[in-house]
């Protein structure tokens, strides 16, 4: 609330990924093309 929509993680068609510095080492993005789905695994969650 009250903030901009900020980048968290992205993945290209070939699997290359990028992450916001604040989530590196904690979040993992992945995709399953057979299921037309993308996922975000979030570990060690913080209030922020």
ModelCIF file with pLDDT and N, C-alpha, C, O atoms, coordinates in Angstrom:
data_MODEL
#
_entry.id   MODEL 
#
_entity.id                         1 
_entity.type                       polymer 
_entity.pdbx_number_of_molecules   1 
#
_entity_poly.entity_id                      1 
_entity_poly.type                           'polypeptide(L)' 
_entity_poly.nstd_linkage                   no 
_entity_poly.nstd_monomer                   no 
_entity_poly.pdbx_seq_one_letter_code       
;(UNK)(UNK)(UNK)(UNK)(UNK)(UNK)(UNK)(UNK)(UNK)(UNK)(UNK)(UNK)(UNK)(UNK)(UNK)(UNK)
(UNK)(UNK)(UNK)(UNK)(UNK)(UNK)(UNK)(UNK)(UNK)(UNK)(UNK)(UNK)(UNK)(UNK)(UNK)(UNK)
(UNK)(UNK)(UNK)(UNK)(UNK)(UNK)(UNK)(UNK)(UNK)(UNK)(UNK)(UNK)(UNK)(UNK)(UNK)(UNK)
;
_entity_poly.pdbx_seq_one_letter_code_can   XXXXXXXXXXXXXXXXXXXXXXXXXXXXXXXXXXXXXXXXXXXXXXXX 
_entity_poly.pdbx_strand_id                 A 
#
loop_
_entity_poly_seq.entity_id 
_entity_poly_seq.num 
_entity_poly_seq.mon_id 
_entity_poly_seq.hetero 
1 1  UNK n 
1 2  UNK n 
1 3  UNK n 
1 4  UNK n 
1 5  UNK n 
1 6  UNK n 
1 7  UNK n 
1 8  UNK n 
1 9  UNK n 
1 10 UNK n 
1 11 UNK n 
1 12 UNK n 
1 13 UNK n 
1 14 UNK n 
1 15 UNK n 
1 16 UNK n 
1 17 UNK n 
1 18 UNK n 
1 19 UNK n 
1 20 UNK n 
1 21 UNK n 
1 22 UNK n 
1 23 UNK n 
1 24 UNK n 
1 25 UNK n 
1 26 UNK n 
1 27 UNK n 
1 28 UNK n 
1 29 UNK n 
1 30 UNK n 
1 31 UNK n 
1 32 UNK n 
1 33 UNK n 
1 34 UNK n 
1 35 UNK n 
1 36 UNK n 
1 37 UNK n 
1 38 UNK n 
1 39 UNK n 
1 40 UNK n 
1 41 UNK n 
1 42 UNK n 
1 43 UNK n 
1 44 UNK n 
1 45 UNK n 
1 46 UNK n 
1 47 UNK n 
1 48 UNK n 
#
_struct_asym.id          A 
_struct_asym.entity_id   1 
#
loop_
_ma_qa_metric.id 
_ma_qa_metric.mode 
_ma_qa_metric.name 
_ma_qa_metric.software_group_id 
_ma_qa_metric.type 
1 global pLDDT . pLDDT 
2 local  pLDDT . pLDDT 
#
_ma_qa_metric_global.metric_id      1 
_ma_qa_metric_global.metric_value   97.19 
_ma_qa_metric_global.model_id       1 
_ma_qa_metric_global.ordinal_id     1 
#
loop_
_ma_qa_metric_local.label_asym_id 
_ma_qa_metric_local.label_comp_id 
_ma_qa_metric_local.label_seq_id 
_ma_qa_metric_local.metric_id 
_ma_qa_metric_local.metric_value 
_ma_qa_metric_local.model_id 
_ma_qa_metric_local.ordinal_id 
A UNK 1  2 93.00 1 1  
A UNK 2  2 95.00 1 2  
A UNK 3  2 96.00 1 3  
A UNK 4  2 96.00 1 4  
A UNK 5  2 97.00 1 5  
A UNK 6  2 98.00 1 6  
A UNK 7  2 98.00 1 7  
A UNK 8  2 98.00 1 8  
A UNK 9  2 98.00 1 9  
A UNK 10 2 98.00 1 10 
A UNK 11 2 98.00 1 11 
A UNK 12 2 97.00 1 12 
A UNK 13 2 96.00 1 13 
A UNK 14 2 94.00 1 14 
A UNK 15 2 96.00 1 15 
A UNK 16 2 97.00 1 16 
A UNK 17 2 98.00 1 17 
A UNK 18 2 98.00 1 18 
A UNK 19 2 98.00 1 19 
A UNK 20 2 98.00 1 20 
A UNK 21 2 98.00 1 21 
A UNK 22 2 98.00 1 22 
A UNK 23 2 98.00 1 23 
A UNK 24 2 98.00 1 24 
A UNK 25 2 98.00 1 25 
A UNK 26 2 98.00 1 26 
A UNK 27 2 98.00 1 27 
A UNK 28 2 98.00 1 28 
A UNK 29 2 98.00 1 29 
A UNK 30 2 98.00 1 30 
A UNK 31 2 97.00 1 31 
A UNK 32 2 96.00 1 32 
A UNK 33 2 95.00 1 33 
A UNK 34 2 94.00 1 34 
A UNK 35 2 96.00 1 35 
A UNK 36 2 96.00 1 36 
A UNK 37 2 97.00 1 37 
A UNK 38 2 98.00 1 38 
A UNK 39 2 98.00 1 39 
A UNK 40 2 98.00 1 40 
A UNK 41 2 98.00 1 41 
A UNK 42 2 98.00 1 42 
A UNK 43 2 98.00 1 43 
A UNK 44 2 98.00 1 44 
A UNK 45 2 98.00 1 45 
A UNK 46 2 98.00 1 46 
A UNK 47 2 98.00 1 47 
A UNK 48 2 97.00 1 48 
#
loop_
_atom_site.group_PDB 
_atom_site.id 
_atom_site.type_symbol 
_atom_site.label_atom_id 
_atom_site.label_alt_id 
_atom_site.label_comp_id 
_atom_site.label_asym_id 
_atom_site.label_entity_id 
_atom_site.label_seq_id 
_atom_site.pdbx_PDB_ins_code 
_atom_site.Cartn_x 
_atom_site.Cartn_y 
_atom_site.Cartn_z 
_atom_site.occupancy 
_atom_site.B_iso_or_equiv 
_atom_site.pdbx_formal_charge 
_atom_site.auth_seq_id 
_atom_site.auth_comp_id 
_atom_site.auth_asym_id 
_atom_site.auth_atom_id 
_atom_site.pdbx_PDB_model_num 
ATOM 1   N N  . UNK A 1 1  ? 0.816  -1.214  0.000   1.00 93.00 ? 1  UNK A N  1 
ATOM 2   C CA . UNK A 1 1  ? 0.000  0.000   0.000   1.00 93.00 ? 1  UNK A CA 1 
ATOM 3   C C  . UNK A 1 1  ? 0.850  1.264   0.000   1.00 93.00 ? 1  UNK A C  1 
ATOM 4   O O  . UNK A 1 1  ? 1.784  1.391   0.792   1.00 93.00 ? 1  UNK A O  1 
ATOM 5   N N  . UNK A 1 2  ? 0.525  2.198   -0.888  1.00 95.00 ? 2  UNK A N  1 
ATOM 6   C CA . UNK A 1 2  ? 1.235  3.459   -0.969  1.00 95.00 ? 2  UNK A CA 1 
ATOM 7   C C  . UNK A 1 2  ? 2.567  3.405   -1.682  1.00 95.00 ? 2  UNK A C  1 
ATOM 8   O O  . UNK A 1 2  ? 3.264  4.418   -1.745  1.00 95.00 ? 2  UNK A O  1 
ATOM 9   N N  . UNK A 1 3  ? 2.949  2.246   -2.226  1.00 96.00 ? 3  UNK A N  1 
ATOM 10  C CA . UNK A 1 3  ? 4.225  2.103   -2.899  1.00 96.00 ? 3  UNK A CA 1 
ATOM 11  C C  . UNK A 1 3  ? 4.036  1.677   -4.349  1.00 96.00 ? 3  UNK A C  1 
ATOM 12  O O  . UNK A 1 3  ? 2.951  1.252   -4.745  1.00 96.00 ? 3  UNK A O  1 
ATOM 13  N N  . UNK A 1 4  ? 5.103  1.795   -5.136  1.00 96.00 ? 4  UNK A N  1 
ATOM 14  C CA . UNK A 1 4  ? 5.076  1.370   -6.523  1.00 96.00 ? 4  UNK A CA 1 
ATOM 15  C C  . UNK A 1 4  ? 5.077  -0.149  -6.620  1.00 96.00 ? 4  UNK A C  1 
ATOM 16  O O  . UNK A 1 4  ? 5.436  -0.856  -5.679  1.00 96.00 ? 4  UNK A O  1 
ATOM 17  N N  . UNK A 1 5  ? 4.662  -0.629  -7.798  1.00 97.00 ? 5  UNK A N  1 
ATOM 18  C CA . UNK A 1 5  ? 4.737  -2.054  -8.086  1.00 97.00 ? 5  UNK A CA 1 
ATOM 19  C C  . UNK A 1 5  ? 6.172  -2.379  -8.498  1.00 97.00 ? 5  UNK A C  1 
ATOM 20  O O  . UNK A 1 5  ? 6.635  -1.934  -9.548  1.00 97.00 ? 5  UNK A O  1 
ATOM 21  N N  . UNK A 1 6  ? 6.869  -3.147  -7.679  1.00 98.00 ? 6  UNK A N  1 
ATOM 22  C CA . UNK A 1 6  ? 8.295  -3.391  -7.844  1.00 98.00 ? 6  UNK A CA 1 
ATOM 23  C C  . UNK A 1 6  ? 8.581  -4.799  -8.350  1.00 98.00 ? 6  UNK A C  1 
ATOM 24  O O  . UNK A 1 6  ? 7.859  -5.750  -8.048  1.00 98.00 ? 6  UNK A O  1 
ATOM 25  N N  . UNK A 1 7  ? 9.649  -4.904  -9.123  1.00 98.00 ? 7  UNK A N  1 
ATOM 26  C CA . UNK A 1 7  ? 10.114 -6.172  -9.652  1.00 98.00 ? 7  UNK A CA 1 
ATOM 27  C C  . UNK A 1 7  ? 10.578 -7.099  -8.538  1.00 98.00 ? 7  UNK A C  1 
ATOM 28  O O  . UNK A 1 7  ? 11.248 -6.664  -7.601  1.00 98.00 ? 7  UNK A O  1 
ATOM 29  N N  . UNK A 1 8  ? 10.223 -8.366  -8.638  1.00 98.00 ? 8  UNK A N  1 
ATOM 30  C CA . UNK A 1 8  ? 10.666 -9.384  -7.697  1.00 98.00 ? 8  UNK A CA 1 
ATOM 31  C C  . UNK A 1 8  ? 11.554 -10.416 -8.389  1.00 98.00 ? 8  UNK A C  1 
ATOM 32  O O  . UNK A 1 8  ? 12.680 -10.655 -7.953  1.00 98.00 ? 8  UNK A O  1 
ATOM 33  N N  . UNK A 1 9  ? 11.059 -11.027 -9.459  1.00 98.00 ? 9  UNK A N  1 
ATOM 34  C CA . UNK A 1 9  ? 11.788 -12.068 -10.167 1.00 98.00 ? 9  UNK A CA 1 
ATOM 35  C C  . UNK A 1 9  ? 11.249 -12.189 -11.581 1.00 98.00 ? 9  UNK A C  1 
ATOM 36  O O  . UNK A 1 9  ? 10.077 -11.910 -11.831 1.00 98.00 ? 9  UNK A O  1 
ATOM 37  N N  . UNK A 1 10 ? 12.110 -12.607 -12.509 1.00 98.00 ? 10 UNK A N  1 
ATOM 38  C CA . UNK A 1 10 ? 11.693 -12.821 -13.885 1.00 98.00 ? 10 UNK A CA 1 
ATOM 39  C C  . UNK A 1 10 ? 12.406 -14.012 -14.486 1.00 98.00 ? 10 UNK A C  1 
ATOM 40  O O  . UNK A 1 10 ? 13.477 -14.405 -14.023 1.00 98.00 ? 10 UNK A O  1 
ATOM 41  N N  . UNK A 1 11 ? 11.809 -14.586 -15.521 1.00 98.00 ? 11 UNK A N  1 
ATOM 42  C CA . UNK A 1 11 ? 12.395 -15.739 -16.195 1.00 98.00 ? 11 UNK A CA 1 
ATOM 43  C C  . UNK A 1 11 ? 12.087 -15.657 -17.684 1.00 98.00 ? 11 UNK A C  1 
ATOM 44  O O  . UNK A 1 11 ? 10.945 -15.417 -18.073 1.00 98.00 ? 11 UNK A O  1 
ATOM 45  N N  . UNK A 1 12 ? 13.110 -15.859 -18.519 1.00 97.00 ? 12 UNK A N  1 
ATOM 46  C CA . UNK A 1 12 ? 12.934 -15.863 -19.961 1.00 97.00 ? 12 UNK A CA 1 
ATOM 47  C C  . UNK A 1 12 ? 12.509 -17.236 -20.445 1.00 97.00 ? 12 UNK A C  1 
ATOM 48  O O  . UNK A 1 12 ? 12.511 -18.207 -19.689 1.00 97.00 ? 12 UNK A O  1 
ATOM 49  N N  . UNK A 1 13 ? 12.141 -17.301 -21.737 1.00 96.00 ? 13 UNK A N  1 
ATOM 50  C CA . UNK A 1 13 ? 11.674 -18.560 -22.293 1.00 96.00 ? 13 UNK A CA 1 
ATOM 51  C C  . UNK A 1 13 ? 12.716 -19.659 -22.173 1.00 96.00 ? 13 UNK A C  1 
ATOM 52  O O  . UNK A 1 13 ? 12.371 -20.824 -21.977 1.00 96.00 ? 13 UNK A O  1 
ATOM 53  N N  . UNK A 1 14 ? 14.002 -19.292 -22.291 1.00 94.00 ? 14 UNK A N  1 
ATOM 54  C CA . UNK A 1 14 ? 15.073 -20.263 -22.206 1.00 94.00 ? 14 UNK A CA 1 
ATOM 55  C C  . UNK A 1 14 ? 15.522 -20.597 -20.801 1.00 94.00 ? 14 UNK A C  1 
ATOM 56  O O  . UNK A 1 14 ? 16.411 -21.430 -20.620 1.00 94.00 ? 14 UNK A O  1 
ATOM 57  N N  . UNK A 1 15 ? 14.919 -19.957 -19.785 1.00 96.00 ? 15 UNK A N  1 
ATOM 58  C CA . UNK A 1 15 ? 15.217 -20.294 -18.408 1.00 96.00 ? 15 UNK A CA 1 
ATOM 59  C C  . UNK A 1 15 ? 16.123 -19.323 -17.668 1.00 96.00 ? 15 UNK A C  1 
ATOM 60  O O  . UNK A 1 15 ? 16.321 -19.481 -16.464 1.00 96.00 ? 15 UNK A O  1 
ATOM 61  N N  . UNK A 1 16 ? 16.685 -18.317 -18.351 1.00 97.00 ? 16 UNK A N  1 
ATOM 62  C CA . UNK A 1 16 ? 17.506 -17.325 -17.666 1.00 97.00 ? 16 UNK A CA 1 
ATOM 63  C C  . UNK A 1 16 ? 16.649 -16.547 -16.676 1.00 97.00 ? 16 UNK A C  1 
ATOM 64  O O  . UNK A 1 16 ? 15.531 -16.146 -17.000 1.00 97.00 ? 16 UNK A O  1 
ATOM 65  N N  . UNK A 1 17 ? 17.172 -16.332 -15.465 1.00 98.00 ? 17 UNK A N  1 
ATOM 66  C CA . UNK A 1 17 ? 16.416 -15.676 -14.407 1.00 98.00 ? 17 UNK A CA 1 
ATOM 67  C C  . UNK A 1 17 ? 17.108 -14.418 -13.912 1.00 98.00 ? 17 UNK A C  1 
ATOM 68  O O  . UNK A 1 17 ? 18.311 -14.235 -14.100 1.00 98.00 ? 17 UNK A O  1 
ATOM 69  N N  . UNK A 1 18 ? 16.326 -13.552 -13.275 1.00 98.00 ? 18 UNK A N  1 
ATOM 70  C CA . UNK A 1 18 ? 16.839 -12.363 -12.624 1.00 98.00 ? 18 UNK A CA 1 
ATOM 71  C C  . UNK A 1 18 ? 15.993 -12.113 -11.385 1.00 98.00 ? 18 UNK A C  1 
ATOM 72  O O  . UNK A 1 18 ? 14.799 -12.413 -11.371 1.00 98.00 ? 18 UNK A O  1 
ATOM 73  N N  . UNK A 1 19 ? 16.617 -11.560 -10.340 1.00 98.00 ? 19 UNK A N  1 
ATOM 74  C CA . UNK A 1 19 ? 15.945 -11.330 -9.076  1.00 98.00 ? 19 UNK A CA 1 
ATOM 75  C C  . UNK A 1 19 ? 16.253 -9.947  -8.532  1.00 98.00 ? 19 UNK A C  1 
ATOM 76  O O  . UNK A 1 19 ? 17.334 -9.404  -8.758  1.00 98.00 ? 19 UNK A O  1 
ATOM 77  N N  . UNK A 1 20 ? 15.296 -9.387  -7.815  1.00 98.00 ? 20 UNK A N  1 
ATOM 78  C CA . UNK A 1 20 ? 15.572 -8.202  -7.030  1.00 98.00 ? 20 UNK A CA 1 
ATOM 79  C C  . UNK A 1 20 ? 16.574 -8.548  -5.940  1.00 98.00 ? 20 UNK A C  1 
ATOM 80  O O  . UNK A 1 20 ? 16.547 -9.651  -5.394  1.00 98.00 ? 20 UNK A O  1 
ATOM 81  N N  . UNK A 1 21 ? 17.457 -7.612  -5.622  1.00 98.00 ? 21 UNK A N  1 
ATOM 82  C CA . UNK A 1 21 ? 18.496 -7.867  -4.636  1.00 98.00 ? 21 UNK A CA 1 
ATOM 83  C C  . UNK A 1 21 ? 17.911 -8.279  -3.287  1.00 98.00 ? 21 UNK A C  1 
ATOM 84  O O  . UNK A 1 21 ? 18.502 -9.094  -2.580  1.00 98.00 ? 21 UNK A O  1 
ATOM 85  N N  . UNK A 1 22 ? 16.769 -7.729  -2.929  1.00 98.00 ? 22 UNK A N  1 
ATOM 86  C CA . UNK A 1 22 ? 16.170 -7.994  -1.631  1.00 98.00 ? 22 UNK A CA 1 
ATOM 87  C C  . UNK A 1 22 ? 15.676 -9.427  -1.460  1.00 98.00 ? 22 UNK A C  1 
ATOM 88  O O  . UNK A 1 22 ? 15.437 -9.865  -0.334  1.00 98.00 ? 22 UNK A O  1 
ATOM 89  N N  . UNK A 1 23 ? 15.519 -10.165 -2.561  1.00 98.00 ? 23 UNK A N  1 
ATOM 90  C CA . UNK A 1 23 ? 15.005 -11.534 -2.461  1.00 98.00 ? 23 UNK A CA 1 
ATOM 91  C C  . UNK A 1 23 ? 16.005 -12.583 -2.914  1.00 98.00 ? 23 UNK A C  1 
ATOM 92  O O  . UNK A 1 23 ? 15.709 -13.775 -2.821  1.00 98.00 ? 23 UNK A O  1 
ATOM 93  N N  . UNK A 1 24 ? 17.175 -12.190 -3.398  1.00 98.00 ? 24 UNK A N  1 
ATOM 94  C CA . UNK A 1 24 ? 18.171 -13.157 -3.839  1.00 98.00 ? 24 UNK A CA 1 
ATOM 95  C C  . UNK A 1 24 ? 18.560 -14.084 -2.697  1.00 98.00 ? 24 UNK A C  1 
ATOM 96  O O  . UNK A 1 24 ? 18.801 -13.642 -1.574  1.00 98.00 ? 24 UNK A O  1 
ATOM 97  N N  . UNK A 1 25 ? 18.617 -15.369 -3.000  1.00 98.00 ? 25 UNK A N  1 
ATOM 98  C CA . UNK A 1 25 ? 18.945 -16.367 -1.994  1.00 98.00 ? 25 UNK A CA 1 
ATOM 99  C C  . UNK A 1 25 ? 17.762 -16.866 -1.214  1.00 98.00 ? 25 UNK A C  1 
ATOM 100 O O  . UNK A 1 25 ? 17.871 -17.868 -0.507  1.00 98.00 ? 25 UNK A O  1 
ATOM 101 N N  . UNK A 1 26 ? 16.618 -16.191 -1.320  1.00 98.00 ? 26 UNK A N  1 
ATOM 102 C CA . UNK A 1 26 ? 15.416 -16.604 -0.603  1.00 98.00 ? 26 UNK A CA 1 
ATOM 103 C C  . UNK A 1 26 ? 14.297 -17.045 -1.537  1.00 98.00 ? 26 UNK A C  1 
ATOM 104 O O  . UNK A 1 26 ? 13.564 -17.982 -1.219  1.00 98.00 ? 26 UNK A O  1 
ATOM 105 N N  . UNK A 1 27 ? 14.150 -16.384 -2.689  1.00 98.00 ? 27 UNK A N  1 
ATOM 106 C CA . UNK A 1 27 ? 13.072 -16.677 -3.630  1.00 98.00 ? 27 UNK A CA 1 
ATOM 107 C C  . UNK A 1 27 ? 13.638 -17.367 -4.867  1.00 98.00 ? 27 UNK A C  1 
ATOM 108 O O  . UNK A 1 27 ? 14.776 -17.112 -5.259  1.00 98.00 ? 27 UNK A O  1 
ATOM 109 N N  . UNK A 1 28 ? 12.840 -18.242 -5.479  1.00 98.00 ? 28 UNK A N  1 
ATOM 110 C CA . UNK A 1 28 ? 13.219 -18.920 -6.708  1.00 98.00 ? 28 UNK A CA 1 
ATOM 111 C C  . UNK A 1 28 ? 12.042 -18.911 -7.670  1.00 98.00 ? 28 UNK A C  1 
ATOM 112 O O  . UNK A 1 28 ? 10.943 -19.341 -7.320  1.00 98.00 ? 28 UNK A O  1 
ATOM 113 N N  . UNK A 1 29 ? 12.276 -18.418 -8.888  1.00 98.00 ? 29 UNK A N  1 
ATOM 114 C CA . UNK A 1 29 ? 11.254 -18.450 -9.926  1.00 98.00 ? 29 UNK A CA 1 
ATOM 115 C C  . UNK A 1 29 ? 11.525 -19.639 -10.842 1.00 98.00 ? 29 UNK A C  1 
ATOM 116 O O  . UNK A 1 29 ? 12.678 -19.959 -11.128 1.00 98.00 ? 29 UNK A O  1 
ATOM 117 N N  . UNK A 1 30 ? 10.469 -20.285 -11.294 1.00 98.00 ? 30 UNK A N  1 
ATOM 118 C CA . UNK A 1 30 ? 10.594 -21.409 -12.209 1.00 98.00 ? 30 UNK A CA 1 
ATOM 119 C C  . UNK A 1 30 ? 9.374  -21.455 -13.114 1.00 98.00 ? 30 UNK A C  1 
ATOM 120 O O  . UNK A 1 30 ? 8.371  -20.792 -12.851 1.00 98.00 ? 30 UNK A O  1 
ATOM 121 N N  . UNK A 1 31 ? 9.464  -22.243 -14.186 1.00 97.00 ? 31 UNK A N  1 
ATOM 122 C CA . UNK A 1 31 ? 8.333  -22.372 -15.099 1.00 97.00 ? 31 UNK A CA 1 
ATOM 123 C C  . UNK A 1 31 ? 8.201  -23.807 -15.556 1.00 97.00 ? 31 UNK A C  1 
ATOM 124 O O  . UNK A 1 31 ? 9.177  -24.557 -15.602 1.00 97.00 ? 31 UNK A O  1 
ATOM 125 N N  . UNK A 1 32 ? 6.982  -24.177 -15.894 1.00 96.00 ? 32 UNK A N  1 
ATOM 126 C CA . UNK A 1 32 ? 6.676  -25.487 -16.434 1.00 96.00 ? 32 UNK A CA 1 
ATOM 127 C C  . UNK A 1 32 ? 5.887  -25.244 -17.711 1.00 96.00 ? 32 UNK A C  1 
ATOM 128 O O  . UNK A 1 32 ? 4.681  -25.002 -17.666 1.00 96.00 ? 32 UNK A O  1 
ATOM 129 N N  . UNK A 1 33 ? 6.571  -25.309 -18.847 1.00 95.00 ? 33 UNK A N  1 
ATOM 130 C CA . UNK A 1 33 ? 5.917  -24.982 -20.114 1.00 95.00 ? 33 UNK A CA 1 
ATOM 131 C C  . UNK A 1 33 ? 4.816  -25.979 -20.476 1.00 95.00 ? 33 UNK A C  1 
ATOM 132 O O  . UNK A 1 33 ? 3.843  -25.612 -21.134 1.00 95.00 ? 33 UNK A O  1 
ATOM 133 N N  . UNK A 1 34 ? 4.959  -27.229 -20.054 1.00 94.00 ? 34 UNK A N  1 
ATOM 134 C CA . UNK A 1 34 ? 3.936  -28.225 -20.333 1.00 94.00 ? 34 UNK A CA 1 
ATOM 135 C C  . UNK A 1 34 ? 2.629  -27.897 -19.631 1.00 94.00 ? 34 UNK A C  1 
ATOM 136 O O  . UNK A 1 34 ? 1.558  -28.285 -20.097 1.00 94.00 ? 34 UNK A O  1 
ATOM 137 N N  . UNK A 1 35 ? 2.709  -27.182 -18.511 1.00 96.00 ? 35 UNK A N  1 
ATOM 138 C CA . UNK A 1 35 ? 1.527  -26.811 -17.744 1.00 96.00 ? 35 UNK A CA 1 
ATOM 139 C C  . UNK A 1 35 ? 1.136  -25.348 -17.921 1.00 96.00 ? 35 UNK A C  1 
ATOM 140 O O  . UNK A 1 35 ? 0.167  -24.896 -17.312 1.00 96.00 ? 35 UNK A O  1 
ATOM 141 N N  . UNK A 1 36 ? 1.870  -24.600 -18.742 1.00 96.00 ? 36 UNK A N  1 
ATOM 142 C CA . UNK A 1 36 ? 1.634  -23.155 -18.917 1.00 96.00 ? 36 UNK A CA 1 
ATOM 143 C C  . UNK A 1 36 ? 1.585  -22.451 -17.559 1.00 96.00 ? 36 UNK A C  1 
ATOM 144 O O  . UNK A 1 36 ? 0.659  -21.694 -17.270 1.00 96.00 ? 36 UNK A O  1 
ATOM 145 N N  . UNK A 1 37 ? 2.595  -22.716 -16.737 1.00 97.00 ? 37 UNK A N  1 
ATOM 146 C CA . UNK A 1 37 ? 2.595  -22.194 -15.378 1.00 97.00 ? 37 UNK A CA 1 
ATOM 147 C C  . UNK A 1 37 ? 3.966  -21.647 -14.998 1.00 97.00 ? 37 UNK A C  1 
ATOM 148 O O  . UNK A 1 37 ? 4.998  -22.121 -15.472 1.00 97.00 ? 37 UNK A O  1 
ATOM 149 N N  . UNK A 1 38 ? 3.950  -20.643 -14.135 1.00 98.00 ? 38 UNK A N  1 
ATOM 150 C CA . UNK A 1 38 ? 5.160  -20.098 -13.544 1.00 98.00 ? 38 UNK A CA 1 
ATOM 151 C C  . UNK A 1 38 ? 4.958  -20.067 -12.037 1.00 98.00 ? 38 UNK A C  1 
ATOM 152 O O  . UNK A 1 38 ? 3.843  -19.874 -11.552 1.00 98.00 ? 38 UNK A O  1 
ATOM 153 N N  . UNK A 1 39 ? 6.052  -20.259 -11.299 1.00 98.00 ? 39 UNK A N  1 
ATOM 154 C CA . UNK A 1 39 ? 5.977  -20.385 -9.855  1.00 98.00 ? 39 UNK A CA 1 
ATOM 155 C C  . UNK A 1 39 ? 6.973  -19.438 -9.188  1.00 98.00 ? 39 UNK A C  1 
ATOM 156 O O  . UNK A 1 39 ? 7.974  -19.045 -9.786  1.00 98.00 ? 39 UNK A O  1 
ATOM 157 N N  . UNK A 1 40 ? 6.680  -19.085 -7.948  1.00 98.00 ? 40 UNK A N  1 
ATOM 158 C CA . UNK A 1 40 ? 7.611  -18.326 -7.123  1.00 98.00 ? 40 UNK A CA 1 
ATOM 159 C C  . UNK A 1 40 ? 7.679  -18.996 -5.762  1.00 98.00 ? 40 UNK A C  1 
ATOM 160 O O  . UNK A 1 40 ? 6.751  -18.889 -4.959  1.00 98.00 ? 40 UNK A O  1 
ATOM 161 N N  . UNK A 1 41 ? 8.787  -19.690 -5.507  1.00 98.00 ? 41 UNK A N  1 
ATOM 162 C CA . UNK A 1 41 ? 9.023  -20.289 -4.203  1.00 98.00 ? 41 UNK A CA 1 
ATOM 163 C C  . UNK A 1 41 ? 9.644  -19.237 -3.298  1.00 98.00 ? 41 UNK A C  1 
ATOM 164 O O  . UNK A 1 41 ? 10.701 -18.692 -3.617  1.00 98.00 ? 41 UNK A O  1 
ATOM 165 N N  . UNK A 1 42 ? 9.004  -18.947 -2.179  1.00 98.00 ? 42 UNK A N  1 
ATOM 166 C CA . UNK A 1 42 ? 9.443  -17.908 -1.263  1.00 98.00 ? 42 UNK A CA 1 
ATOM 167 C C  . UNK A 1 42 ? 9.787  -18.550 0.072   1.00 98.00 ? 42 UNK A C  1 
ATOM 168 O O  . UNK A 1 42 ? 8.915  -19.092 0.752   1.00 98.00 ? 42 UNK A O  1 
ATOM 169 N N  . UNK A 1 43 ? 11.055 -18.488 0.443   1.00 98.00 ? 43 UNK A N  1 
ATOM 170 C CA . UNK A 1 43 ? 11.530 -19.039 1.702   1.00 98.00 ? 43 UNK A CA 1 
ATOM 171 C C  . UNK A 1 43 ? 12.008 -17.921 2.616   1.00 98.00 ? 43 UNK A C  1 
ATOM 172 O O  . UNK A 1 43 ? 12.275 -16.807 2.165   1.00 98.00 ? 43 UNK A O  1 
ATOM 173 N N  . UNK A 1 44 ? 12.114 -18.227 3.903   1.00 98.00 ? 44 UNK A N  1 
ATOM 174 C CA . UNK A 1 44 ? 12.610 -17.275 4.894   1.00 98.00 ? 44 UNK A CA 1 
ATOM 175 C C  . UNK A 1 44 ? 11.902 -15.934 4.784   1.00 98.00 ? 44 UNK A C  1 
ATOM 176 O O  . UNK A 1 44 ? 12.546 -14.886 4.745   1.00 98.00 ? 44 UNK A O  1 
ATOM 177 N N  . UNK A 1 45 ? 10.589 -15.969 4.734   1.00 98.00 ? 45 UNK A N  1 
ATOM 178 C CA . UNK A 1 45 ? 9.809  -14.751 4.530   1.00 98.00 ? 45 UNK A CA 1 
ATOM 179 C C  . UNK A 1 45 ? 9.989  -13.769 5.679   1.00 98.00 ? 45 UNK A C  1 
ATOM 180 O O  . UNK A 1 45 ? 10.130 -14.157 6.838   1.00 98.00 ? 45 UNK A O  1 
ATOM 181 N N  . UNK A 1 46 ? 9.981  -12.489 5.326   1.00 98.00 ? 46 UNK A N  1 
ATOM 182 C CA . UNK A 1 46 ? 10.145 -11.395 6.259   1.00 98.00 ? 46 UNK A CA 1 
ATOM 183 C C  . UNK A 1 46 ? 8.922  -10.492 6.218   1.00 98.00 ? 46 UNK A C  1 
ATOM 184 O O  . UNK A 1 46 ? 8.217  -10.470 5.209   1.00 98.00 ? 46 UNK A O  1 
ATOM 185 N N  . UNK A 1 47 ? 8.647  -9.740  7.293   1.00 98.00 ? 47 UNK A N  1 
ATOM 186 C CA . UNK A 1 47 ? 7.509  -8.814  7.254   1.00 98.00 ? 47 UNK A CA 1 
ATOM 187 C C  . UNK A 1 47 ? 7.567  -7.845  6.080   1.00 98.00 ? 47 UNK A C  1 
ATOM 188 O O  . UNK A 1 47 ? 6.522  -7.474  5.546   1.00 98.00 ? 47 UNK A O  1 
ATOM 189 N N  . UNK A 1 48 ? 8.752  -7.429  5.666   1.00 97.00 ? 48 UNK A N  1 
ATOM 190 C CA . UNK A 1 48 ? 8.872  -6.508  4.547   1.00 97.00 ? 48 UNK A CA 1 
ATOM 191 C C  . UNK A 1 48 ? 8.522  -7.134  3.203   1.00 97.00 ? 48 UNK A C  1 
ATOM 192 O O  . UNK A 1 48 ? 8.582  -6.461  2.174   1.00 97.00 ? 48 UNK A O  1 
#
